[in-house]
Each structure stands twice: as structure tokens, then as C-alpha cells.
Amino acid sequence: MLVVEIIFWLCVCSIVYNYVGYPILLFFWGLALQARSDIGFLLARNNRRNLKRVGVQPSIAIIISAFNEETVIETRVKNLLEISYPPERVEILIGLDAPTDATADVLSRFQAFRVEVFHFPTRRGKLAVISDLAQRTEAEILIFTDANTMFEPNCVEKLVRHFADPKVGAVSGEEIRTTKPGTDPAAEGVYWRYESAMKILESRANCLHSANGGIYAIRRELFCPRSDYVVEDFQLPLELRFRGHRIMYDPEAIAVEEIAPTRASQFERRVRLGAGNFQTLFGNPEYLSPFNGIPAFAYWSHRVLRWITPCLLIIAFGCSACLMLSVTYRCLFLAQCIFYGLAVLGYVSKGKRTPGLCRVPWQFCSMNTAIVFGFARFLSREQSLAWTVTPRGTSGANVSTSAAESRDTALRSV
């Protein structure tokens, strides 16, 4: 039974390290790096800020791949035309991925010299469309966003400022998730806040390797995707980080996006992301090598362990069941049963809001179940590169300044 005990604790410790230990390690790692920077400044009296190209505003191209977005595309374009960046330095490129609704008709009514619309007759998926659009511009910085994501006016300025440092290859902004009245924010809110905090910590420690799909920027000369991937906002920054470029996260570069309104659509999105994550995992085995240093360490600690957590949970549950002759393991088995019971209660709850005590168990179990389904979809090769549009509102998401400020304050306090 000693072997079973060892396996149980290896599984438990791996899960705890992934969700708790790694963030704590990042926190103290960031403190150490800041202390080293402060000491170097005090000793050498060199300016710690990169002043190269201060005041220079590079040309940018804002790129959107749109499918059936007739309900939000007009609001989205108007939002982009109102950003506080020199108009002569901005291009807006919209690729229509063979829409079947009135998206093209809505865009045809726009008379803006900065907006270019490209029609693609065959549906291929987001990465193929944005790759084509990237070849149609000479802008220095490519900014990728979605049709239902709304930028705050100074969002682009906040993103672009980091490219004054030549080591920076990509920058991710902060997506604030909003909900429609009557929907349940708990299904996305807790996990999204956790991941936002993780991005801050990883950015400080120079081991960030992902971006928020609704708002991220890449140097055009570095944009060279190797093949079609489902989760391009993870794959592209990951490739750059392993090539030695720094990925930054700026919680002050704020965009607003409305989350999927139903549990079913939220779960389907997670399954799709799960399939895409396993595509990245098995498509890039070289990233697992410990000889890659810090990027590999962060990749294992944040991503790989997260993706195998469902397997670890099942093994830990089975091991504790086999060890129930011990009072300690009997209590641990009971604790797991209670946790999963609360998750089931959250699932079967008929109210529009998940009961408070059930939110974390439900969120945790839902996410890990989606990983299992995503793995199955990856193995079956059933995940299409094209996406299914989530039900939208009638006018897109609204930018809430007060919500942005409160989220920004909370994130900077991490």
C-alpha cells in the first residue's frame, strides 16, 4: 500500500503546485527580480526604464476575422475608429470568413478610409484569415482582436508602448468579461480573475507564454505561424517565447467582451480550447525539453500540469478509496466526495445563478471535464479550425469605465 500512498500524494502535490504553489513561486520570483533591479539602480544610477524610441508611435494594423457578426460588427468598427491613436498610423483590416448572414452588407455601408474589408469565399478559420490579412499590410505592429470585443480609447497606446523595448515580441491586454442580465457570471468570473493574476505574475518573471485572444499585439516581422492551430492566441505567443522574445501583459490595456450567455456555450468554448491546447501540446514536443530553461519550466508548471489534472484527480480519488482502512485517507476520500457533490449540486441547480458554496467546485469540475472532452475531440480529429459564433447581444459589449477602473485596481494590487 506504500506505493498507492506515494502515487496519491504525487497526484495531490502536483495539483496543489499547479494551482497554488506555482503562483506563490512566481510572486516571490518577481519580488527577487524587482529587488535585483532596485539594487542595480542604486549602485549604478542607471535609468531602469527603456527610453529608446520614447515618443515614437509605430504604424499599426488592427486585424479582425469575422464570421456571422451582423449584430456587433457596426458597433465594433465605430469603437475602433474612436481609439486615441494617430489616425494616419492606423489600419483596420477585416477578413470575412465566408459569412452566411448580413455582416458583409453592414460593412458595405461604412465609408471610412482606414477600414478595409476582404471577402474570403471559403470558410477556413481564424488563423488562416488573419494570416492572409497580415500579408496585406506594412504596419510595424499587428493587433488582433474579435468582433465582439470593445477597446477602451487608450487601449492601443497602452499595448504599443511596450514595443519600445526591442526584446518584446508580443503584448497581451486585459479582457474584462461582462454578462447579460439574468446570466450567471460565476461560471467564468472566478477562473478568469485567477488567470489574469497569473498573467501579471508570469509577465513580471519573464515567463509569460500566452495572450488574451480578444486583445494582443505582435511585431509584424515576427508573425510567421507554422501551421493552422485552433488556439492561435496561445500558439503564436508560445512560439515567440521559445524563440527568445519576451511576452508582456498590460492590465491597463483594457478591452471588454461579453461572455457566453449559457452554461452550454461556455462549456463548448472550453472543450474547443481544450482540443486546441492538446493540438499545441502534441504538435510541439520540443517545448517539453527541460533544456529550454525558464520557458519550459513555466510551460510545464502552468499548462502541462493543468491539462493532465483530470487524470491526476481520478487517480487520487481511486487511491484514497483503496486506502480507506486508514482514518486519514477515509477523511480525504470523504472530503473529495463532498467537493464533487457540491459540484453536482451546482450543475443541477435550476436557478439562474450558481449557489455560492457550489461555485468553486462547479467551476473546477466543469473546467476539468471540458479538458477531458477536449482531449477526446483532439484524438477524434473532430475539432474544426472554424468556430461557431456564440450568441451575441444586439449592439455588442459596452465599455464600462468604472468596471475597467475597478478591475485595473484589483489586478495591480496582485
Protein backbone atom coordinates (compact mmCIF):
# COMPACT_ATOMS: atom_id res chain seq x y z
CA MET A 1 0.00 0.00 0.00
CA LEU A 2 3.02 2.27 0.29
CA VAL A 3 3.15 2.57 -3.49
CA VAL A 4 -0.52 3.62 -3.58
CA GLU A 5 0.15 6.25 -0.91
CA ILE A 6 3.09 7.63 -2.88
CA ILE A 7 1.00 7.82 -6.06
CA PHE A 8 -1.82 9.56 -4.16
CA TRP A 9 0.45 12.23 -2.72
CA LEU A 10 2.27 12.75 -6.00
CA CYS A 11 -1.08 13.47 -7.67
CA VAL A 12 -2.27 15.76 -4.88
CA CYS A 13 1.00 17.67 -4.69
CA SER A 14 1.08 18.15 -8.47
CA ILE A 15 -2.42 19.63 -8.45
CA VAL A 16 -1.71 21.88 -5.45
CA TYR A 17 1.58 23.02 -7.01
CA ASN A 18 -0.14 23.88 -10.28
CA TYR A 19 -2.92 25.97 -8.74
CA VAL A 20 -1.22 27.34 -5.60
CA GLY A 21 2.49 26.56 -5.39
CA TYR A 22 3.45 27.88 -8.81
CA PRO A 23 1.67 31.26 -8.34
CA ILE A 24 3.38 31.67 -4.95
CA LEU A 25 6.73 30.83 -6.51
CA LEU A 26 6.11 33.40 -9.26
CA PHE A 27 5.21 36.02 -6.68
CA PHE A 28 8.49 35.68 -4.79
CA TRP A 29 10.42 35.30 -8.03
CA GLY A 30 9.02 38.64 -9.16
CA LEU A 31 9.97 40.23 -5.86
CA ALA A 32 13.53 38.95 -6.23
CA LEU A 33 13.82 40.32 -9.76
CA GLN A 34 12.49 43.68 -8.63
CA ALA A 35 14.95 43.75 -5.72
CA ARG A 36 17.83 43.00 -8.09
CA SER A 37 16.68 45.80 -10.39
CA ASP A 38 16.45 48.24 -7.47
CA ILE A 39 19.89 47.31 -6.17
CA GLY A 40 21.39 47.71 -9.64
CA PHE A 41 19.79 51.14 -9.94
CA LEU A 42 21.11 52.26 -6.56
CA LEU A 43 24.64 51.07 -7.34
CA ALA A 44 24.96 52.18 -10.96
CA ARG A 45 22.41 55.00 -11.02
CA ASN A 46 21.30 53.93 -14.48
CA ASN A 47 17.75 54.62 -15.56
CA ARG A 48 15.76 51.41 -15.28
CA ARG A 49 13.26 52.41 -17.93
CA ASN A 50 13.92 51.78 -21.59
CA LEU A 51 13.94 55.23 -23.18
CA LYS A 52 14.64 54.05 -26.69
CA ARG A 53 12.05 55.33 -29.16
CA VAL A 54 10.14 57.26 -26.50
CA GLY A 55 7.50 59.35 -28.24
CA VAL A 56 7.63 57.26 -31.43
CA GLN A 57 4.28 55.80 -32.41
CA PRO A 58 4.69 52.83 -34.77
CA SER A 59 2.20 52.14 -37.50
CA ILE A 60 -0.40 49.57 -36.50
CA ALA A 61 -2.87 47.29 -38.21
CA ILE A 62 -5.91 46.14 -36.25
CA ILE A 63 -6.95 42.76 -37.64
CA ILE A 64 -10.32 41.03 -37.21
CA SER A 65 -11.51 37.71 -38.58
CA ALA A 66 -15.32 37.79 -38.73
CA PHE A 67 -17.86 35.10 -39.49
CA ASN A 68 -21.53 35.79 -38.69
CA GLU A 69 -21.22 39.05 -36.73
CA GLU A 70 -24.02 41.21 -38.13
CA THR A 71 -25.30 42.14 -34.65
CA VAL A 72 -21.99 43.53 -33.39
CA ILE A 73 -19.77 44.44 -36.33
CA GLU A 74 -21.04 48.01 -36.78
CA THR A 75 -20.50 48.85 -33.11
CA ARG A 76 -17.09 47.20 -33.26
CA VAL A 77 -15.88 49.28 -36.21
CA LYS A 78 -17.16 52.51 -34.67
CA ASN A 79 -15.34 51.59 -31.47
CA LEU A 80 -12.07 51.12 -33.37
CA LEU A 81 -12.47 54.45 -35.19
CA GLU A 82 -12.64 56.20 -31.80
CA ILE A 83 -9.35 54.93 -30.34
CA SER A 84 -6.89 57.60 -29.21
CA TYR A 85 -4.08 56.86 -31.65
CA PRO A 86 -2.98 58.99 -34.64
CA PRO A 87 -5.43 58.08 -37.43
CA GLU A 88 -2.72 58.23 -40.09
CA ARG A 89 -0.84 55.45 -38.24
CA VAL A 90 -3.83 53.07 -38.06
CA GLU A 91 -5.22 50.50 -40.49
CA ILE A 92 -8.30 48.41 -39.77
CA LEU A 93 -8.40 45.13 -41.71
CA ILE A 94 -11.47 42.91 -41.51
CA GLY A 95 -11.49 39.49 -43.12
CA LEU A 96 -14.90 37.93 -43.79
CA ASP A 97 -14.60 34.17 -43.34
CA ALA A 98 -17.44 33.27 -45.71
CA PRO A 99 -20.27 34.63 -43.53
CA THR A 100 -23.83 33.48 -44.18
CA ASP A 101 -25.58 36.47 -42.58
CA ALA A 102 -25.61 40.22 -43.31
CA THR A 103 -22.14 41.00 -41.93
CA ALA A 104 -20.85 42.00 -45.38
CA ASP A 105 -23.88 44.20 -46.02
CA VAL A 106 -23.39 46.06 -42.73
CA LEU A 107 -19.72 46.69 -43.51
CA SER A 108 -20.51 47.89 -47.03
CA ARG A 109 -22.23 50.91 -45.52
CA PHE A 110 -19.04 52.12 -43.88
CA GLN A 111 -17.25 54.99 -45.58
CA ALA A 112 -14.00 55.15 -43.62
CA PHE A 113 -10.66 55.36 -45.39
CA ARG A 114 -8.96 53.36 -42.64
CA VAL A 115 -11.31 50.37 -42.85
CA GLU A 116 -10.55 47.68 -45.42
CA VAL A 117 -12.79 44.66 -45.82
CA PHE A 118 -11.61 41.48 -47.51
CA HIS A 119 -14.05 38.74 -48.59
CA PHE A 120 -12.94 35.12 -48.45
CA PRO A 121 -15.38 32.76 -50.20
CA THR A 122 -14.31 29.59 -48.38
CA ARG A 123 -14.52 29.24 -44.63
CA ARG A 124 -11.11 28.33 -43.22
CA GLY A 125 -10.93 29.53 -39.61
CA LYS A 126 -9.44 32.45 -37.75
CA LEU A 127 -5.71 31.79 -38.12
CA ALA A 128 -5.90 31.37 -41.90
CA VAL A 129 -7.82 34.64 -42.25
CA ILE A 130 -5.59 36.74 -40.02
CA SER A 131 -2.51 35.27 -41.72
CA ASP A 132 -3.82 36.48 -45.07
CA LEU A 133 -4.61 39.90 -43.65
CA ALA A 134 -1.16 40.20 -42.08
CA GLN A 135 0.36 39.85 -45.55
CA ARG A 136 -1.71 42.79 -46.82
CA THR A 137 -0.20 45.41 -44.54
CA GLU A 138 3.20 47.01 -43.97
CA ALA A 139 2.33 48.15 -40.44
CA GLU A 140 5.00 47.61 -37.81
CA ILE A 141 2.63 46.20 -35.18
CA LEU A 142 -0.27 43.80 -35.72
CA ILE A 143 -3.10 43.98 -33.19
CA PHE A 144 -5.51 41.05 -33.16
CA THR A 145 -8.99 41.30 -31.73
CA ASP A 146 -12.51 39.87 -32.06
CA ALA A 147 -15.69 41.29 -33.50
CA ASN A 148 -17.45 41.33 -30.12
CA THR A 149 -14.56 42.89 -28.15
CA MET A 150 -14.63 46.63 -27.44
CA PHE A 151 -11.43 48.63 -26.82
CA GLU A 152 -11.17 51.45 -24.34
CA PRO A 153 -9.95 54.63 -26.10
CA ASN A 154 -6.35 54.41 -24.81
CA CYS A 155 -6.08 50.65 -25.19
CA VAL A 156 -3.85 50.68 -28.28
CA GLU A 157 -1.46 53.23 -26.78
CA LYS A 158 -1.04 51.03 -23.72
CA LEU A 159 -0.28 47.97 -25.84
CA VAL A 160 2.12 49.63 -28.25
CA ARG A 161 4.30 51.38 -25.64
CA HIS A 162 5.95 48.08 -24.67
CA PHE A 163 7.44 47.63 -28.13
CA ALA A 164 9.93 50.40 -27.33
CA ASP A 165 11.87 47.51 -25.82
CA PRO A 166 13.33 45.51 -28.75
CA LYS A 167 13.20 42.32 -26.67
CA VAL A 168 9.40 42.40 -26.58
CA GLY A 169 7.79 40.31 -29.30
CA ALA A 170 4.15 40.35 -28.21
CA VAL A 171 1.91 42.14 -25.72
CA SER A 172 -1.40 40.97 -24.30
CA GLY A 173 -4.04 43.30 -22.93
CA GLU A 174 -6.71 42.68 -20.30
CA GLU A 175 -10.16 41.42 -21.24
CA ILE A 176 -12.95 42.36 -18.86
CA ARG A 177 -15.74 39.82 -19.09
CA THR A 178 -19.28 41.16 -18.78
CA THR A 179 -22.57 39.29 -18.63
CA LYS A 180 -26.09 39.89 -19.86
CA PRO A 181 -28.76 40.46 -17.22
CA GLY A 182 -30.01 37.12 -15.94
CA THR A 183 -26.90 35.11 -16.83
CA ASP A 184 -24.54 33.51 -14.34
CA PRO A 185 -21.18 35.31 -14.06
CA ALA A 186 -19.79 32.70 -11.68
CA ALA A 187 -19.17 30.19 -14.45
CA GLU A 188 -16.39 32.35 -15.91
CA GLY A 189 -15.57 35.05 -13.36
CA VAL A 190 -13.53 33.20 -10.73
CA TYR A 191 -11.29 31.40 -13.19
CA TRP A 192 -10.82 34.48 -15.40
CA ARG A 193 -9.66 36.60 -12.45
CA TYR A 194 -7.27 33.84 -11.43
CA GLU A 195 -5.78 33.62 -14.93
CA SER A 196 -5.43 37.41 -15.14
CA ALA A 197 -3.44 37.40 -11.91
CA MET A 198 -1.28 34.58 -13.28
CA LYS A 199 -0.51 36.61 -16.40
CA ILE A 200 0.66 39.52 -14.26
CA LEU A 201 2.96 37.28 -12.22
CA GLU A 202 4.35 35.48 -15.28
CA SER A 203 4.90 38.76 -17.11
CA ARG A 204 6.92 40.12 -14.18
CA ALA A 205 9.02 36.95 -14.08
CA ASN A 206 9.53 36.97 -17.87
CA CYS A 207 7.89 33.57 -18.37
CA LEU A 208 4.52 34.56 -19.87
CA HIS A 209 3.73 32.47 -22.95
CA SER A 210 0.10 33.22 -23.87
CA ALA A 211 -2.24 36.10 -24.67
CA ASN A 212 -5.89 37.06 -24.42
CA GLY A 213 -7.42 36.35 -27.81
CA GLY A 214 -9.55 39.49 -27.86
CA ILE A 215 -6.62 41.88 -27.43
CA TYR A 216 -2.98 41.15 -28.22
CA ALA A 217 -0.27 42.63 -30.42
CA ILE A 218 2.73 41.13 -32.25
CA ARG A 219 5.58 42.66 -34.24
CA ARG A 220 4.76 42.06 -37.90
CA GLU A 221 8.21 40.71 -38.74
CA LEU A 222 7.78 38.06 -36.03
CA PHE A 223 4.35 36.92 -37.18
CA CYS A 224 5.05 33.66 -39.01
CA PRO A 225 2.66 30.91 -37.84
CA ARG A 226 3.96 27.46 -38.74
CA SER A 227 0.59 25.85 -39.45
CA ASP A 228 -3.09 26.12 -38.65
CA TYR A 229 -3.85 25.91 -34.94
CA VAL A 230 -7.19 26.08 -33.15
CA VAL A 231 -5.97 28.33 -30.30
CA GLU A 232 -3.78 30.83 -32.12
CA ASP A 233 -3.64 33.31 -29.21
CA PHE A 234 -1.82 30.61 -27.24
CA GLN A 235 0.25 29.04 -30.02
CA LEU A 236 1.66 32.28 -31.50
CA PRO A 237 2.96 33.84 -28.23
CA LEU A 238 4.23 30.41 -27.17
CA GLU A 239 6.33 30.13 -30.32
CA LEU A 240 7.74 33.63 -29.79
CA ARG A 241 8.66 32.93 -26.16
CA PHE A 242 10.53 29.77 -27.08
CA ARG A 243 12.34 31.73 -29.78
CA GLY A 244 13.66 34.05 -27.08
CA HIS A 245 11.27 37.01 -27.36
CA ARG A 246 9.58 38.48 -24.33
CA ILE A 247 5.79 38.35 -23.96
CA MET A 248 4.29 41.17 -21.89
CA TYR A 249 0.93 41.55 -20.20
CA ASP A 250 -0.54 45.00 -19.59
CA PRO A 251 -3.67 45.09 -17.38
CA GLU A 252 -4.08 48.79 -18.26
CA ALA A 253 -4.73 47.94 -21.93
CA ILE A 254 -8.38 47.16 -21.39
CA ALA A 255 -10.96 45.62 -23.67
CA VAL A 256 -14.49 44.50 -22.81
CA GLU A 257 -16.11 41.32 -24.03
CA GLU A 258 -19.44 39.72 -23.24
CA ILE A 259 -19.06 36.12 -22.07
CA ALA A 260 -21.08 33.25 -23.47
CA PRO A 261 -24.59 33.64 -22.03
CA THR A 262 -25.32 29.97 -21.28
CA ARG A 263 -23.54 27.16 -19.49
CA ALA A 264 -23.71 25.05 -22.63
CA SER A 265 -21.97 27.68 -24.77
CA GLN A 266 -19.36 28.29 -22.05
CA PHE A 267 -18.66 24.57 -21.83
CA GLU A 268 -18.44 24.21 -25.61
CA ARG A 269 -15.90 27.04 -25.73
CA ARG A 270 -13.79 25.28 -23.10
CA VAL A 271 -13.95 21.99 -24.99
CA ARG A 272 -12.78 23.73 -28.15
CA LEU A 273 -9.92 25.37 -26.26
CA GLY A 274 -9.07 22.00 -24.71
CA ALA A 275 -8.81 20.37 -28.13
CA GLY A 276 -6.65 23.26 -29.31
CA ASN A 277 -4.39 23.02 -26.28
CA PHE A 278 -3.72 19.32 -26.89
CA GLN A 279 -3.05 20.13 -30.52
CA THR A 280 -0.36 22.54 -29.33
CA LEU A 281 0.99 20.05 -26.77
CA PHE A 282 1.42 17.15 -29.19
CA GLY A 283 2.38 19.38 -32.11
CA ASN A 284 5.34 20.91 -30.25
CA PRO A 285 7.06 18.12 -28.27
CA GLU A 286 10.32 20.07 -28.31
CA TYR A 287 8.81 22.61 -25.90
CA LEU A 288 8.72 19.94 -23.18
CA SER A 289 12.50 19.64 -23.02
CA PRO A 290 13.95 20.96 -19.74
CA PHE A 291 16.91 22.26 -21.75
CA ASN A 292 14.65 25.12 -22.87
CA GLY A 293 15.08 26.63 -19.41
CA ILE A 294 12.58 29.10 -17.97
CA PRO A 295 10.06 28.87 -20.84
CA ALA A 296 9.85 25.08 -20.43
CA PHE A 297 9.57 25.40 -16.65
CA ALA A 298 6.63 27.82 -16.98
CA TYR A 299 5.04 25.71 -19.72
CA TRP A 300 5.13 22.59 -17.54
CA SER A 301 4.08 24.38 -14.35
CA HIS A 302 1.16 26.35 -15.77
CA ARG A 303 -0.06 24.42 -18.79
CA VAL A 304 1.01 20.77 -18.95
CA LEU A 305 0.11 20.05 -15.33
CA ARG A 306 -3.23 21.80 -15.87
CA TRP A 307 -4.01 19.61 -18.87
CA ILE A 308 -3.27 16.35 -17.01
CA THR A 309 -5.13 17.41 -13.84
CA PRO A 310 -8.28 15.40 -14.73
CA CYS A 311 -6.17 12.25 -14.85
CA LEU A 312 -4.48 13.16 -11.56
CA LEU A 313 -7.88 13.74 -9.92
CA ILE A 314 -9.18 10.34 -10.99
CA ILE A 315 -6.03 8.57 -9.81
CA ALA A 316 -6.06 10.39 -6.46
CA PHE A 317 -9.72 9.52 -5.91
CA GLY A 318 -9.09 5.87 -6.70
CA CYS A 319 -6.02 5.71 -4.47
CA SER A 320 -7.84 7.25 -1.50
CA ALA A 321 -10.66 4.73 -1.99
CA CYS A 322 -8.12 1.89 -1.81
CA LEU A 323 -6.64 3.32 1.40
CA MET A 324 -9.89 3.75 3.32
CA LEU A 325 -8.77 1.41 6.10
CA SER A 326 -6.75 4.37 7.32
CA VAL A 327 -8.70 7.12 9.14
CA THR A 328 -6.64 9.80 7.38
CA TYR A 329 -7.41 8.54 3.90
CA ARG A 330 -11.03 7.88 4.83
CA CYS A 331 -11.36 11.57 5.70
CA LEU A 332 -9.61 12.59 2.50
CA PHE A 333 -11.93 10.36 0.47
CA LEU A 334 -14.95 11.90 2.22
CA ALA A 335 -13.64 15.42 1.54
CA GLN A 336 -13.36 14.60 -2.17
CA CYS A 337 -16.90 13.21 -2.20
CA ILE A 338 -18.24 16.39 -0.58
CA PHE A 339 -16.35 18.57 -3.07
CA TYR A 340 -17.67 16.65 -6.07
CA GLY A 341 -21.14 16.58 -4.50
CA LEU A 342 -21.14 20.38 -4.33
CA ALA A 343 -20.09 20.46 -7.98
CA VAL A 344 -23.01 18.23 -8.92
CA LEU A 345 -25.34 20.43 -6.89
CA GLY A 346 -24.07 23.44 -8.79
CA TYR A 347 -24.69 21.63 -12.07
CA VAL A 348 -28.25 20.56 -11.30
CA SER A 349 -29.20 23.91 -9.76
CA LYS A 350 -32.21 25.22 -11.61
CA GLY A 351 -31.63 28.83 -10.61
CA LYS A 352 -30.00 31.33 -12.93
CA ARG A 353 -27.12 31.79 -10.50
CA THR A 354 -24.91 29.03 -9.12
CA PRO A 355 -25.24 28.72 -5.31
CA GLY A 356 -22.28 30.47 -3.65
CA LEU A 357 -20.90 27.37 -1.90
CA CYS A 358 -21.01 25.44 -5.18
CA ARG A 359 -19.31 27.97 -7.43
CA VAL A 360 -15.68 26.96 -7.00
CA PRO A 361 -16.35 23.18 -7.07
CA TRP A 362 -18.62 23.58 -10.09
CA GLN A 363 -16.15 25.82 -11.91
CA PHE A 364 -13.23 23.49 -11.16
CA CYS A 365 -15.04 20.31 -12.21
CA SER A 366 -16.59 21.91 -15.28
CA MET A 367 -13.20 23.08 -16.47
CA ASN A 368 -11.57 19.68 -15.96
CA THR A 369 -14.48 17.86 -17.59
CA ALA A 370 -14.08 20.14 -20.60
CA ILE A 371 -10.39 19.20 -20.76
CA VAL A 372 -11.38 15.52 -20.95
CA PHE A 373 -13.89 16.21 -23.72
CA GLY A 374 -11.34 18.40 -25.49
CA PHE A 375 -8.79 15.58 -25.41
CA ALA A 376 -11.36 13.19 -26.85
CA ARG A 377 -12.16 15.68 -29.61
CA PHE A 378 -8.46 16.11 -30.36
CA LEU A 379 -7.97 12.35 -30.66
CA SER A 380 -11.01 12.03 -32.94
CA ARG A 381 -9.84 14.94 -35.10
CA GLU A 382 -13.36 16.33 -34.96
CA GLN A 383 -12.38 19.87 -33.93
CA SER A 384 -12.72 22.20 -36.89
CA LEU A 385 -10.45 25.21 -37.35
CA ALA A 386 -13.60 27.25 -37.95
CA TRP A 387 -15.60 28.32 -34.94
CA THR A 388 -19.26 28.50 -34.03
CA VAL A 389 -20.38 32.01 -33.17
CA THR A 390 -21.52 32.48 -29.58
CA PRO A 391 -24.95 34.14 -29.28
CA ARG A 392 -24.38 37.91 -29.28
CA GLY A 393 -26.25 40.91 -27.96
CA THR A 394 -27.88 43.34 -30.32
CA SER A 395 -25.26 46.05 -30.10
CA GLY A 396 -22.10 44.45 -28.81
CA ALA A 397 -20.44 44.86 -25.47
CA ASN A 398 -20.40 48.28 -23.84
CA VAL A 399 -17.21 49.68 -22.39
CA SER A 400 -17.75 50.40 -18.72
CA THR A 401 -15.16 52.81 -17.40
CA SER A 402 -15.99 52.21 -13.77
CA ALA A 403 -15.76 48.44 -14.21
CA ALA A 404 -12.46 48.82 -16.04
CA GLU A 405 -11.01 51.01 -13.32
CA SER A 406 -12.07 48.66 -10.54
CA ARG A 407 -10.64 45.62 -12.33
CA ASP A 408 -7.43 47.51 -13.12
CA THR A 409 -7.01 48.47 -9.46
CA ALA A 410 -7.60 44.91 -8.32
CA LEU A 411 -5.12 43.46 -10.79
CA ARG A 412 -2.36 45.91 -9.98
CA SER A 413 -2.67 45.00 -6.31
CA VAL A 414 -1.66 41.39 -7.01
